[in-house]
Amino acid sequence: MLARFTADLDRLRAADRLRRLAPRIGADFASNDYLGLAESPELRAAVGEAIARGVPVGAAGSRLLRGNHAEHEALEAEAAAFFGAEAALYLGTGFSANVAIVATLPDRGDLIVWDALSHASTREGLRLARAESVAARHNDAGHVAELIGAWRARGGRGTPWIAVESVYSMEGDRAPLSALAEVAARHDAVLIVDEAHATGVFGAGRGLSQGVAAPHIALHTCGKALGASGALVTGPRAAIDLLINRARGFVYATAPSPLMAAAVRASLKLVAAPGRAQRLAARVATVGERLARLGLPATDTPIQPIILGSDRAALAAAAALQAQGFDVRAIRPPTVPEGSARLRLSLTLNPSDAEVTALLDALEAQCARPPA
């Protein structure tokens, strides 16, 4: 067995695909801490206050046993109100929450149409799901409709589910939620919207699915712009209750830390105030203008992919920027499609304006340098 493991690792090493843990280095252009809350004095104070009033660090059991805590329930009530949903459920990670949604809610006889660039957590949920599933071309609402129509023509009689991300984690582009909602309404489908990279950033902190005119389930991760950890699933009460009863990643998992639930409660109050999101939007606009002048495509989100093609080019560019004090990481297949290795430039409020300018200057110098 160990020989097989070693052989697998050797193959990854030979293909230059071996992953390694690396420390935080230099100015933050790699994290998803978009609003700079993870190390903020406000969140530190909220956690300190929660500890002072006796909120425990650990849950010590599943929610269905002794692990349920008043902080979990308070967070879920406040989150449901904040996101305008009937109910909310707090889980340990965004990955496990996405798996729970996709694997639990669609049933046999249903169809899940998922975007071709969906996150690995959605794909893991699909592997466990009872429903049939099919991939749609990225951000192509018309193709989603075609796939549902073809399924109906073959005799499909269940519920169609459309699984998308409101902002895609590696592309930085937005899903056409209005068009997808129209498709969902026309075909009696339910939208599953992964708001991981939109929560806290867009829609007054509520993401991009607010006001979507179709039944939908939303996933709001708490470890990105909210600066804490865990994830909130929001939607109709019946869907949340079914997850409580049937989602194995909820039923059989130790509950998230009650202390983190208290932190997320504080985060929701912080993101409701517009200052941070407005500052981030201004930074995104400024960086986008500079990237455009360099001839690099820019998005209108904090995620700016700089596609270099080969693994070697992406790794070399990342190493050069890291050597200058910028924490920029290379993203390679299989995380992204073959031939699309890239730098994933993540814009947060953590670096200073001077550090952002210096990074863009370094990128400009790299763009002017002849390829090796």
Protein backbone atom coordinates (compact mmCIF):
# COMPACT_ATOMS: atom_id res chain seq x y z
CA MET A 1 0.00 0.00 0.00
CA LEU A 2 2.71 2.48 0.98
CA ALA A 3 4.59 1.65 -2.22
CA ARG A 4 1.48 2.59 -4.20
CA PHE A 5 1.22 5.86 -2.31
CA THR A 6 4.86 6.62 -3.02
CA ALA A 7 4.37 5.80 -6.71
CA ASP A 8 1.36 8.11 -6.90
CA LEU A 9 3.36 10.92 -5.27
CA ASP A 10 6.28 10.30 -7.64
CA ARG A 11 3.95 10.61 -10.63
CA LEU A 12 2.59 13.91 -9.29
CA ARG A 13 6.14 15.14 -8.69
CA ALA A 14 7.22 14.17 -12.22
CA ALA A 15 4.25 16.04 -13.68
CA ASP A 16 5.03 19.07 -11.49
CA ARG A 17 1.60 18.65 -9.85
CA LEU A 18 2.67 17.76 -6.31
CA ARG A 19 0.87 19.95 -3.80
CA ARG A 20 2.73 21.23 -0.75
CA LEU A 21 1.69 23.29 2.21
CA ALA A 22 3.29 26.74 2.14
CA PRO A 23 3.36 29.45 4.81
CA ARG A 24 1.80 32.86 4.49
CA ILE A 25 4.36 35.08 2.80
CA GLY A 26 4.20 38.80 2.16
CA ALA A 27 1.22 40.97 1.35
CA ASP A 28 -2.07 39.11 1.05
CA PHE A 29 -3.14 38.61 -2.56
CA ALA A 30 -4.16 34.98 -2.09
CA SER A 31 -6.76 34.69 0.67
CA ASN A 32 -10.54 34.97 0.51
CA ASP A 33 -10.63 37.34 3.49
CA TYR A 34 -12.14 39.94 1.18
CA LEU A 35 -13.22 42.46 3.83
CA GLY A 36 -10.22 41.98 6.10
CA LEU A 37 -12.37 40.71 8.97
CA ALA A 38 -10.41 37.57 9.92
CA GLU A 39 -7.82 39.54 11.90
CA SER A 40 -9.90 42.63 12.57
CA PRO A 41 -10.07 44.20 16.04
CA GLU A 42 -13.87 44.15 15.79
CA LEU A 43 -14.03 40.38 15.36
CA ARG A 44 -11.37 39.83 18.02
CA ALA A 45 -13.43 41.89 20.44
CA ALA A 46 -16.61 39.98 19.60
CA VAL A 47 -14.88 36.64 20.23
CA GLY A 48 -13.41 37.93 23.49
CA GLU A 49 -16.83 39.09 24.64
CA ALA A 50 -18.33 35.70 23.77
CA ILE A 51 -15.63 33.90 25.77
CA ALA A 52 -16.25 36.26 28.69
CA ARG A 53 -19.95 35.36 28.75
CA GLY A 54 -19.15 31.66 28.76
CA VAL A 55 -19.57 30.58 25.14
CA PRO A 56 -17.61 27.30 24.81
CA VAL A 57 -14.86 26.76 22.26
CA GLY A 58 -16.00 23.25 21.32
CA ALA A 59 -19.45 21.75 20.79
CA ALA A 60 -18.46 18.28 22.07
CA GLY A 61 -21.08 16.44 20.05
CA SER A 62 -23.37 16.51 17.05
CA ARG A 63 -26.21 19.03 16.93
CA LEU A 64 -28.73 16.20 17.34
CA LEU A 65 -27.06 15.06 20.56
CA ARG A 66 -25.57 17.47 23.12
CA GLY A 67 -23.72 19.61 20.56
CA ASN A 68 -26.59 22.01 19.91
CA HIS A 69 -25.94 25.37 21.57
CA ALA A 70 -27.92 28.59 21.98
CA GLU A 71 -25.28 30.39 19.85
CA HIS A 72 -26.00 28.08 16.92
CA GLU A 73 -29.72 28.75 17.16
CA ALA A 74 -29.26 32.50 17.60
CA LEU A 75 -27.00 32.62 14.55
CA GLU A 76 -29.47 30.67 12.44
CA ALA A 77 -32.38 32.92 13.41
CA GLU A 78 -30.34 36.06 12.69
CA ALA A 79 -28.98 34.65 9.43
CA ALA A 80 -32.44 33.72 8.17
CA ALA A 81 -33.60 37.28 8.84
CA PHE A 82 -30.44 38.80 7.34
CA PHE A 83 -30.60 36.78 4.12
CA GLY A 84 -34.40 37.00 3.81
CA ALA A 85 -34.99 33.25 4.07
CA GLU A 86 -37.48 31.15 5.97
CA ALA A 87 -34.73 29.27 7.77
CA ALA A 88 -30.97 28.76 8.02
CA LEU A 89 -28.70 25.93 9.10
CA TYR A 90 -25.10 26.31 10.34
CA LEU A 91 -22.61 23.61 9.27
CA GLY A 92 -18.90 23.14 9.84
CA THR A 93 -17.52 24.02 6.39
CA GLY A 94 -18.67 25.31 3.03
CA PHE A 95 -17.45 22.10 1.40
CA SER A 96 -19.52 19.87 3.66
CA ALA A 97 -22.53 22.17 3.33
CA ASN A 98 -22.41 22.04 -0.48
CA VAL A 99 -22.07 18.27 -0.40
CA ALA A 100 -25.05 18.08 1.99
CA ILE A 101 -27.27 20.22 -0.25
CA VAL A 102 -26.54 18.38 -3.49
CA ALA A 103 -26.48 14.88 -2.02
CA THR A 104 -29.59 15.26 0.15
CA LEU A 105 -32.21 17.52 -1.42
CA PRO A 106 -32.52 16.24 -5.03
CA ASP A 107 -34.20 12.82 -5.02
CA ARG A 108 -34.40 9.82 -7.32
CA GLY A 109 -36.19 10.78 -10.50
CA ASP A 110 -34.91 14.39 -10.30
CA LEU A 111 -32.28 16.01 -12.52
CA ILE A 112 -29.35 18.15 -11.37
CA VAL A 113 -27.98 20.48 -14.05
CA TRP A 114 -24.66 21.84 -12.85
CA ASP A 115 -22.32 24.41 -14.30
CA ALA A 116 -19.24 22.90 -15.91
CA LEU A 117 -16.97 25.05 -13.71
CA SER A 118 -18.69 24.15 -10.45
CA HIS A 119 -16.58 23.77 -7.33
CA ALA A 120 -15.20 20.39 -6.23
CA SER A 121 -17.68 20.35 -3.34
CA THR A 122 -20.61 20.37 -5.77
CA ARG A 123 -19.00 17.55 -7.73
CA GLU A 124 -18.52 15.54 -4.56
CA GLY A 125 -22.19 16.04 -3.75
CA LEU A 126 -23.09 14.85 -7.24
CA ARG A 127 -21.08 11.68 -6.68
CA LEU A 128 -23.28 10.90 -3.67
CA ALA A 129 -26.58 12.19 -5.07
CA ARG A 130 -29.51 9.94 -5.93
CA ALA A 131 -30.61 12.14 -8.83
CA GLU A 132 -29.37 12.02 -12.41
CA SER A 133 -26.92 14.84 -13.20
CA VAL A 134 -25.56 16.57 -16.30
CA ALA A 135 -23.10 19.43 -16.83
CA ALA A 136 -24.11 22.62 -18.66
CA ARG A 137 -21.75 24.93 -20.49
CA HIS A 138 -20.37 27.59 -18.19
CA ASN A 139 -22.78 30.46 -17.58
CA ASP A 140 -25.03 29.35 -20.45
CA ALA A 141 -28.65 29.60 -19.27
CA GLY A 142 -29.89 28.56 -22.70
CA HIS A 143 -27.95 25.31 -22.47
CA VAL A 144 -29.42 24.68 -19.01
CA ALA A 145 -32.90 25.03 -20.51
CA GLU A 146 -32.00 22.70 -23.39
CA LEU A 147 -30.75 20.02 -21.01
CA ILE A 148 -33.89 20.18 -18.89
CA GLY A 149 -36.06 20.11 -22.02
CA ALA A 150 -34.22 17.06 -23.36
CA TRP A 151 -34.63 15.31 -20.01
CA ARG A 152 -38.36 16.03 -20.00
CA ALA A 153 -38.61 14.73 -23.57
CA ARG A 154 -37.00 11.47 -22.44
CA GLY A 155 -39.71 11.10 -19.80
CA GLY A 156 -38.20 12.98 -16.85
CA ARG A 157 -40.99 13.77 -14.40
CA GLY A 158 -39.18 14.80 -11.25
CA THR A 159 -37.84 18.18 -10.15
CA PRO A 160 -34.97 19.82 -12.03
CA TRP A 161 -32.25 21.41 -9.86
CA ILE A 162 -29.85 24.01 -11.24
CA ALA A 163 -26.54 24.23 -9.32
CA VAL A 164 -24.41 27.32 -9.91
CA GLU A 165 -22.01 29.68 -8.14
CA SER A 166 -22.97 33.34 -7.99
CA VAL A 167 -19.26 34.23 -8.37
CA TYR A 168 -16.93 31.53 -9.67
CA SER A 169 -13.92 30.95 -7.48
CA MET A 170 -11.31 30.59 -10.23
CA GLU A 171 -12.83 32.69 -13.02
CA GLY A 172 -14.12 35.61 -10.94
CA ASP A 173 -17.16 35.96 -13.19
CA ARG A 174 -20.82 36.06 -12.16
CA ALA A 175 -23.58 33.60 -12.94
CA PRO A 176 -26.47 34.97 -15.04
CA LEU A 177 -28.86 34.53 -12.12
CA SER A 178 -31.78 36.45 -13.67
CA ALA A 179 -31.69 34.29 -16.81
CA LEU A 180 -31.29 31.13 -14.73
CA ALA A 181 -34.22 32.15 -12.54
CA GLU A 182 -36.34 32.55 -15.66
CA VAL A 183 -35.32 29.05 -16.78
CA ALA A 184 -36.12 27.70 -13.31
CA ALA A 185 -39.54 29.34 -13.29
CA ARG A 186 -40.36 28.00 -16.76
CA HIS A 187 -39.38 24.43 -15.88
CA ASP A 188 -40.51 24.30 -12.22
CA ALA A 189 -36.88 23.96 -11.16
CA VAL A 190 -35.06 24.89 -7.97
CA LEU A 191 -31.85 26.93 -8.00
CA ILE A 192 -28.92 25.99 -5.78
CA VAL A 193 -26.73 29.09 -5.51
CA ASP A 194 -23.29 28.82 -3.98
CA GLU A 195 -22.69 32.36 -2.69
CA ALA A 196 -19.26 31.58 -1.23
CA HIS A 197 -17.47 34.42 -3.01
CA ALA A 198 -20.37 36.88 -3.00
CA THR A 199 -21.56 36.79 0.62
CA GLY A 200 -20.38 39.90 2.42
CA VAL A 201 -19.15 41.45 -0.83
CA PHE A 202 -22.29 42.09 -2.88
CA GLY A 203 -25.94 42.86 -2.19
CA ALA A 204 -25.35 44.72 1.07
CA GLY A 205 -23.52 41.65 2.31
CA ARG A 206 -26.31 39.28 1.33
CA GLY A 207 -24.82 38.02 -1.93
CA LEU A 208 -26.24 38.05 -5.43
CA SER A 209 -29.23 35.72 -5.08
CA GLN A 210 -31.35 38.22 -3.15
CA GLY A 211 -34.59 38.85 -5.02
CA VAL A 212 -34.12 35.89 -7.37
CA ALA A 213 -37.62 35.18 -8.65
CA ALA A 214 -37.44 31.40 -8.30
CA PRO A 215 -37.31 28.91 -5.43
CA HIS A 216 -33.71 28.63 -4.35
CA ILE A 217 -31.32 27.27 -1.76
CA ALA A 218 -28.29 29.42 -0.99
CA LEU A 219 -24.95 28.53 0.57
CA HIS A 220 -23.17 31.35 2.42
CA THR A 221 -19.70 30.38 3.60
CA CYS A 222 -18.48 32.04 6.78
CA GLY A 223 -14.73 31.59 6.26
CA LYS A 224 -14.27 34.04 3.39
CA ALA A 225 -15.62 37.61 3.58
CA LEU A 226 -17.22 36.89 6.96
CA GLY A 227 -13.77 36.17 8.41
CA ALA A 228 -14.76 33.23 10.64
CA SER A 229 -15.49 29.60 9.73
CA GLY A 230 -18.40 27.33 8.89
CA ALA A 231 -21.24 27.80 6.43
CA LEU A 232 -24.90 28.77 6.43
CA VAL A 233 -27.48 27.12 4.21
CA THR A 234 -30.58 29.27 3.75
CA GLY A 235 -33.88 28.46 2.12
CA PRO A 236 -37.41 27.19 2.74
CA ARG A 237 -38.04 25.71 6.19
CA ALA A 238 -38.93 22.31 4.71
CA ALA A 239 -35.56 22.09 2.92
CA ILE A 240 -33.64 23.03 6.07
CA ASP A 241 -35.59 20.51 8.15
CA LEU A 242 -34.84 17.80 5.61
CA LEU A 243 -31.12 18.57 5.87
CA ILE A 244 -31.36 18.29 9.66
CA ASN A 245 -32.93 14.86 9.26
CA ARG A 246 -31.14 13.41 6.24
CA ALA A 247 -27.82 15.19 5.56
CA ARG A 248 -25.19 12.76 6.79
CA GLY A 249 -22.55 15.50 7.01
CA PHE A 250 -24.81 17.27 9.50
CA VAL A 251 -26.37 14.37 11.40
CA TYR A 252 -23.12 12.52 12.09
CA ALA A 253 -20.66 15.41 12.42
CA THR A 254 -19.59 17.15 15.60
CA ALA A 255 -21.27 20.55 15.58
CA PRO A 256 -19.32 23.67 14.61
CA SER A 257 -17.74 25.61 17.44
CA PRO A 258 -20.30 27.71 19.35
CA LEU A 259 -17.57 30.34 19.61
CA MET A 260 -17.41 30.51 15.81
CA ALA A 261 -21.19 30.85 15.70
CA ALA A 262 -20.82 33.90 17.96
CA ALA A 263 -18.11 35.25 15.64
CA VAL A 264 -20.36 34.85 12.58
CA ARG A 265 -23.19 36.67 14.38
CA ALA A 266 -20.79 39.59 14.83
CA SER A 267 -19.64 39.33 11.20
CA LEU A 268 -23.18 39.65 9.88
CA LYS A 269 -23.54 42.91 11.75
CA LEU A 270 -20.21 44.16 10.41
CA VAL A 271 -20.96 43.36 6.77
CA ALA A 272 -24.39 45.00 7.02
CA ALA A 273 -22.55 48.34 7.31
CA PRO A 274 -21.56 49.47 3.80
CA GLY A 275 -18.06 50.89 4.41
CA ARG A 276 -15.92 47.80 3.85
CA ALA A 277 -17.76 46.55 0.78
CA GLN A 278 -17.59 50.02 -0.79
CA ARG A 279 -13.84 50.21 -0.19
CA LEU A 280 -13.39 46.78 -1.70
CA ALA A 281 -15.47 47.72 -4.76
CA ALA A 282 -13.29 50.79 -5.27
CA ARG A 283 -10.16 48.64 -5.07
CA VAL A 284 -11.59 46.16 -7.58
CA ALA A 285 -12.38 49.01 -9.99
CA THR A 286 -8.91 50.55 -9.64
CA VAL A 287 -7.13 47.24 -10.19
CA GLY A 288 -9.41 46.41 -13.12
CA GLU A 289 -8.52 49.67 -14.87
CA ARG A 290 -4.80 49.01 -14.42
CA LEU A 291 -5.07 45.41 -15.64
CA ALA A 292 -6.97 46.59 -18.70
CA ARG A 293 -4.13 49.02 -19.50
CA LEU A 294 -1.77 46.04 -19.35
CA GLY A 295 -3.96 44.17 -21.82
CA LEU A 296 -5.12 41.72 -19.18
CA PRO A 297 -8.83 40.84 -18.89
CA ALA A 298 -10.36 42.03 -15.62
CA THR A 299 -13.48 41.01 -13.72
CA ASP A 300 -15.81 43.13 -11.60
CA THR A 301 -15.25 40.89 -8.56
CA PRO A 302 -12.34 40.51 -6.14
CA ILE A 303 -11.08 37.47 -8.08
CA GLN A 304 -8.78 38.39 -10.97
CA PRO A 305 -7.46 35.37 -12.91
CA ILE A 306 -4.32 36.00 -14.93
CA ILE A 307 -4.22 33.01 -17.26
CA LEU A 308 -0.72 32.07 -18.37
CA GLY A 309 -1.45 28.66 -19.90
CA SER A 310 1.34 26.37 -18.82
CA ASP A 311 2.01 25.15 -15.31
CA ARG A 312 5.64 26.24 -15.62
CA ALA A 313 4.75 29.82 -16.56
CA ALA A 314 2.26 30.14 -13.71
CA LEU A 315 4.67 28.71 -11.14
CA ALA A 316 7.51 30.94 -12.33
CA ALA A 317 5.36 34.08 -12.25
CA ALA A 318 4.08 33.28 -8.76
CA ALA A 319 7.61 32.60 -7.50
CA ALA A 320 8.84 35.91 -8.92
CA LEU A 321 6.05 37.86 -7.24
CA GLN A 322 6.52 36.03 -3.96
CA ALA A 323 10.21 36.90 -4.02
CA GLN A 324 9.17 40.56 -4.17
CA GLY A 325 6.93 40.22 -1.11
CA PHE A 326 3.53 39.49 -2.66
CA ASP A 327 1.58 36.38 -1.66
CA VAL A 328 0.21 35.41 -5.07
CA ARG A 329 -0.39 31.73 -5.79
CA ALA A 330 -0.35 29.71 -9.00
CA ILE A 331 -3.46 27.63 -9.75
CA ARG A 332 -2.95 24.58 -11.96
CA PRO A 333 -4.95 21.65 -13.30
CA PRO A 334 -6.89 19.72 -12.14
CA THR A 335 -8.25 22.68 -10.15
CA VAL A 336 -8.62 24.54 -13.46
CA PRO A 337 -8.90 23.09 -16.99
CA GLU A 338 -5.80 21.86 -18.77
CA GLY A 339 -3.91 24.65 -20.51
CA SER A 340 -5.36 27.36 -18.26
CA ALA A 341 -2.84 27.49 -15.39
CA ARG A 342 -3.00 30.94 -13.88
CA LEU A 343 -2.25 33.37 -11.16
CA ARG A 344 -5.32 33.85 -9.00
CA LEU A 345 -5.08 37.44 -7.84
CA SER A 346 -7.42 37.82 -4.88
CA LEU A 347 -8.25 41.39 -3.84
CA THR A 348 -8.93 42.00 -0.17
CA LEU A 349 -8.75 44.95 2.20
CA ASN A 350 -5.67 43.46 3.87
CA PRO A 351 -2.91 45.04 1.71
CA SER A 352 -2.31 48.79 1.79
CA ASP A 353 -2.94 50.93 -1.28
CA ALA A 354 0.83 51.19 -1.67
CA GLU A 355 1.16 47.39 -1.70
CA VAL A 356 -1.57 47.07 -4.33
CA THR A 357 0.21 49.64 -6.51
CA ALA A 358 3.53 47.87 -6.02
CA LEU A 359 2.02 44.52 -7.05
CA LEU A 360 0.56 46.06 -10.21
CA ASP A 361 3.95 47.61 -10.99
CA ALA A 362 5.56 44.17 -10.59
CA LEU A 363 2.94 42.63 -12.88
CA GLU A 364 3.58 45.32 -15.48
CA ALA A 365 7.30 44.59 -15.35
CA GLN A 366 6.58 40.89 -15.86
CA CYS A 367 4.28 41.61 -18.80
CA ALA A 368 7.05 43.69 -20.42
CA ARG A 369 9.65 40.93 -19.95
CA PRO A 370 10.13 38.58 -22.91
CA PRO A 371 8.89 35.04 -22.18
CA ALA A 372 11.60 32.59 -21.07
